[in-house]
Amino acid sequence: MKSAMTVKSAGFIGIVASLFGLCSVLTATFLAGSTFSWNKNALSDIGVSSVSVAANVFNISLIVAGILNFVFALGFTKANAKHPLFYAGGILLMLGGISLSLVGVFTEAYGRLHFYVSATYFSLFALAILLNGLGFRKTGRATMGNISGLAGLIAGLVVLSGTAIEWHTWLGLGFAVPEIIASIIITAWTSWISSTMLITNNQDA
């Protein structure tokens, strides 16, 4: 019973973490006003915005969301620890949560360090979703596996291609666009998986 409650609590925290993080970032884009534009900026530009309230909302929300995502990842790993793919995917989710918090700590003012923690966050989450997708397929949950695999692939490619070939600039858009697309996918996946943790006593495979 205690183990089941722990998993359910982590599931609830996962939903809160993903929705809180995305909603806070979107709120920060509005608070930033004219200092932020979807046509030319990256989301991280808000973290060093001259509008201090926008910068604080952005950075603090990432730190908090990262911590909450780490807790969600612990619960997810506990629920699925018997399968190595889930265990590996859970570890990557934990590291992704840490990286998300670090994005809020090491803002663009830290130069390349910010790029590294930001790139690490998106890469770890995309890879984690892919690995967990494989885990779902291996344990007979093909639909969850297929959706997870597609989500992880798209999230990773959107940001990777945005960094490598800057496809968003062809459309007259800033890097914030591929970032928010990937963030929405990650948020949707985390919320979905978290909801299954709320209604399932034991996800052990």
Protein backbone atom coordinates (compact mmCIF):
# COMPACT_ATOMS: atom_id res chain seq x y z
CA MET A 1 0.00 0.00 0.00
CA LYS A 2 2.78 2.41 0.96
CA SER A 3 4.59 1.73 -2.33
CA ALA A 4 1.41 2.31 -4.33
CA MET A 5 0.78 5.61 -2.56
CA THR A 6 4.35 6.70 -3.27
CA VAL A 7 3.86 6.04 -6.97
CA LYS A 8 0.51 7.84 -6.99
CA SER A 9 2.04 10.83 -5.20
CA ALA A 10 4.84 10.96 -7.77
CA GLY A 11 2.23 10.81 -10.52
CA PHE A 12 0.40 13.79 -9.05
CA ILE A 13 3.67 15.69 -8.70
CA GLY A 14 4.51 14.86 -12.34
CA ILE A 15 1.31 16.50 -13.55
CA VAL A 16 1.90 19.55 -11.36
CA ALA A 17 5.53 19.80 -12.47
CA SER A 18 4.86 19.65 -16.20
CA LEU A 19 1.87 22.01 -16.22
CA PHE A 20 3.44 24.43 -13.75
CA GLY A 21 6.65 24.62 -15.78
CA LEU A 22 4.97 25.21 -19.14
CA CYS A 23 2.38 27.66 -17.83
CA SER A 24 5.03 29.64 -15.94
CA VAL A 25 7.25 29.92 -19.02
CA LEU A 26 4.32 31.11 -21.13
CA THR A 27 3.43 33.60 -18.40
CA ALA A 28 7.00 34.88 -18.46
CA THR A 29 6.79 35.47 -22.23
CA PHE A 30 3.83 37.79 -21.63
CA LEU A 31 5.48 39.54 -18.69
CA ALA A 32 8.58 40.18 -20.79
CA GLY A 33 6.51 42.36 -23.12
CA SER A 34 8.40 43.94 -25.98
CA THR A 35 11.73 42.51 -24.78
CA PHE A 36 10.66 39.09 -26.04
CA SER A 37 9.49 38.10 -29.51
CA TRP A 38 8.60 34.65 -30.89
CA ASN A 39 10.10 35.90 -34.17
CA LYS A 40 13.63 36.49 -32.92
CA ASN A 41 14.28 35.27 -29.40
CA ALA A 42 15.07 32.05 -27.57
CA LEU A 43 13.09 31.29 -24.43
CA SER A 44 16.25 31.60 -22.36
CA ASP A 45 16.52 35.26 -23.35
CA ILE A 46 13.73 35.88 -20.85
CA GLY A 47 16.01 34.66 -18.07
CA VAL A 48 18.21 37.73 -18.55
CA SER A 49 15.39 40.09 -19.53
CA SER A 50 15.56 43.71 -18.42
CA VAL A 51 12.04 43.11 -17.10
CA SER A 52 13.11 41.62 -13.78
CA VAL A 53 9.74 40.12 -12.89
CA ALA A 54 9.73 38.14 -16.14
CA ALA A 55 13.30 36.94 -15.57
CA ASN A 56 12.51 35.89 -12.00
CA VAL A 57 9.32 34.04 -12.97
CA PHE A 58 11.16 32.25 -15.77
CA ASN A 59 14.24 31.21 -13.80
CA ILE A 60 12.52 30.31 -10.53
CA SER A 61 9.82 28.30 -12.32
CA LEU A 62 12.47 26.23 -14.13
CA ILE A 63 14.28 25.51 -10.88
CA VAL A 64 11.07 24.44 -9.14
CA ALA A 65 9.79 22.45 -12.14
CA GLY A 66 13.12 20.65 -12.36
CA ILE A 67 12.96 19.60 -8.72
CA LEU A 68 9.36 18.40 -9.11
CA ASN A 69 10.27 16.50 -12.27
CA PHE A 70 13.06 14.78 -10.36
CA VAL A 71 10.53 13.59 -7.77
CA PHE A 72 8.22 12.37 -10.53
CA ALA A 73 11.14 10.50 -12.12
CA LEU A 74 11.95 8.80 -8.81
CA GLY A 75 8.40 7.53 -8.55
CA PHE A 76 8.33 6.41 -12.16
CA THR A 77 11.59 4.51 -11.74
CA LYS A 78 10.34 2.91 -8.51
CA ALA A 79 7.19 1.74 -10.29
CA ASN A 80 9.10 0.18 -13.18
CA ALA A 81 12.52 -0.63 -11.73
CA LYS A 82 12.42 -4.35 -12.60
CA HIS A 83 12.86 -3.63 -16.31
CA PRO A 84 16.29 -2.28 -17.38
CA LEU A 85 14.87 -0.02 -20.12
CA PHE A 86 12.57 1.69 -17.63
CA TYR A 87 15.37 1.90 -15.09
CA ALA A 88 17.65 3.59 -17.64
CA GLY A 89 14.83 5.82 -18.83
CA GLY A 90 14.00 6.78 -15.25
CA ILE A 91 17.61 7.70 -14.51
CA LEU A 92 17.65 9.93 -17.60
CA LEU A 93 14.41 11.57 -16.45
CA MET A 94 16.03 12.32 -13.10
CA LEU A 95 19.08 13.82 -14.78
CA GLY A 96 16.77 15.76 -17.08
CA GLY A 97 15.02 17.24 -14.03
CA ILE A 98 18.37 18.30 -12.60
CA SER A 99 19.34 19.84 -15.94
CA LEU A 100 16.06 21.78 -16.10
CA SER A 101 16.76 23.32 -12.70
CA LEU A 102 20.27 24.21 -13.82
CA VAL A 103 18.86 26.07 -16.83
CA GLY A 104 17.22 28.41 -14.33
CA VAL A 105 20.40 28.71 -12.25
CA PHE A 106 22.93 29.16 -15.05
CA THR A 107 21.19 31.75 -17.22
CA GLU A 108 22.51 33.11 -20.51
CA ALA A 109 24.72 35.38 -18.41
CA TYR A 110 26.91 32.28 -17.91
CA GLY A 111 27.57 31.96 -21.65
CA ARG A 112 28.36 28.47 -22.99
CA LEU A 113 27.54 26.83 -19.67
CA HIS A 114 23.91 27.82 -20.17
CA PHE A 115 23.91 26.29 -23.65
CA TYR A 116 25.29 23.03 -22.31
CA VAL A 117 22.72 22.62 -19.52
CA SER A 118 19.87 23.62 -21.84
CA ALA A 119 20.94 21.22 -24.57
CA THR A 120 21.43 18.50 -21.96
CA TYR A 121 17.88 19.00 -20.66
CA PHE A 122 16.21 18.58 -24.04
CA SER A 123 18.51 15.71 -25.06
CA LEU A 124 18.04 13.75 -21.83
CA PHE A 125 14.26 14.08 -21.82
CA ALA A 126 13.93 13.12 -25.48
CA LEU A 127 16.17 10.08 -24.99
CA ALA A 128 14.37 9.15 -21.77
CA ILE A 129 10.99 9.19 -23.52
CA LEU A 130 12.40 7.01 -26.31
CA LEU A 131 13.85 4.48 -23.87
CA ASN A 132 10.66 4.33 -21.86
CA GLY A 133 8.76 3.87 -25.11
CA LEU A 134 10.87 0.81 -25.83
CA GLY A 135 10.20 -0.36 -22.29
CA PHE A 136 6.45 -0.09 -22.82
CA ARG A 137 6.69 -2.11 -26.03
CA LYS A 138 8.81 -4.78 -24.35
CA THR A 139 6.25 -5.14 -21.57
CA GLY A 140 3.26 -5.53 -23.87
CA ARG A 141 2.04 -1.94 -23.89
CA ALA A 142 2.51 -1.31 -27.60
CA THR A 143 0.28 1.76 -27.87
CA MET A 144 2.06 3.54 -25.03
CA GLY A 145 5.36 2.49 -26.53
CA ASN A 146 4.55 3.76 -30.01
CA ILE A 147 3.24 7.10 -28.79
CA SER A 148 6.22 7.54 -26.46
CA GLY A 149 8.68 6.66 -29.21
CA LEU A 150 7.10 9.15 -31.59
CA ALA A 151 6.99 11.85 -28.91
CA GLY A 152 10.64 11.38 -27.95
CA LEU A 153 11.75 11.34 -31.57
CA ILE A 154 9.87 14.50 -32.53
CA ALA A 155 10.91 16.40 -29.38
CA GLY A 156 14.55 15.54 -29.96
CA LEU A 157 14.57 16.25 -33.69
CA VAL A 158 12.74 19.57 -33.38
CA VAL A 159 15.40 21.01 -31.06
CA LEU A 160 18.36 19.24 -32.67
CA SER A 161 17.43 20.39 -36.16
CA GLY A 162 16.71 23.87 -34.82
CA THR A 163 20.23 23.99 -33.41
CA ALA A 164 21.95 22.34 -36.38
CA ILE A 165 20.20 23.83 -39.41
CA GLU A 166 18.13 26.57 -37.77
CA TRP A 167 14.98 25.68 -39.72
CA HIS A 168 12.97 28.17 -37.68
CA THR A 169 14.87 31.07 -39.24
CA TRP A 170 13.57 30.02 -42.67
CA LEU A 171 10.11 30.82 -41.32
CA GLY A 172 11.18 34.06 -39.70
CA LEU A 173 10.92 32.62 -36.20
CA GLY A 174 13.15 32.63 -33.14
CA PHE A 175 14.64 29.56 -31.45
CA ALA A 176 11.86 29.87 -28.85
CA VAL A 177 9.54 28.15 -31.34
CA PRO A 178 11.37 24.79 -31.55
CA GLU A 179 11.94 25.04 -27.80
CA ILE A 180 8.25 25.51 -27.01
CA ILE A 181 7.22 22.74 -29.43
CA ALA A 182 9.56 20.31 -27.67
CA SER A 183 8.43 21.58 -24.27
CA ILE A 184 4.76 21.01 -25.11
CA ILE A 185 5.53 17.46 -26.23
CA ILE A 186 7.51 16.75 -23.05
CA THR A 187 4.74 18.30 -20.93
CA ALA A 188 2.05 16.23 -22.66
CA TRP A 189 4.03 13.00 -22.27
CA THR A 190 4.86 13.62 -18.61
CA SER A 191 1.25 14.51 -17.80
CA TRP A 192 0.00 11.42 -19.62
CA ILE A 193 2.39 9.02 -17.92
CA SER A 194 1.77 10.69 -14.56
CA SER A 195 -1.97 10.17 -14.97
CA THR A 196 -1.42 6.44 -15.51
CA MET A 197 0.59 6.37 -12.27
CA LEU A 198 -2.39 7.87 -10.47
CA ILE A 199 -4.79 5.16 -11.57
CA THR A 200 -2.47 2.14 -11.53
CA ASN A 201 -1.43 0.44 -8.31
CA ASN A 202 1.73 -1.13 -9.72
CA GLN A 203 3.36 -0.59 -13.07
CA ASP A 204 6.11 -3.11 -12.49
CA ALA A 205 6.78 -5.17 -15.56
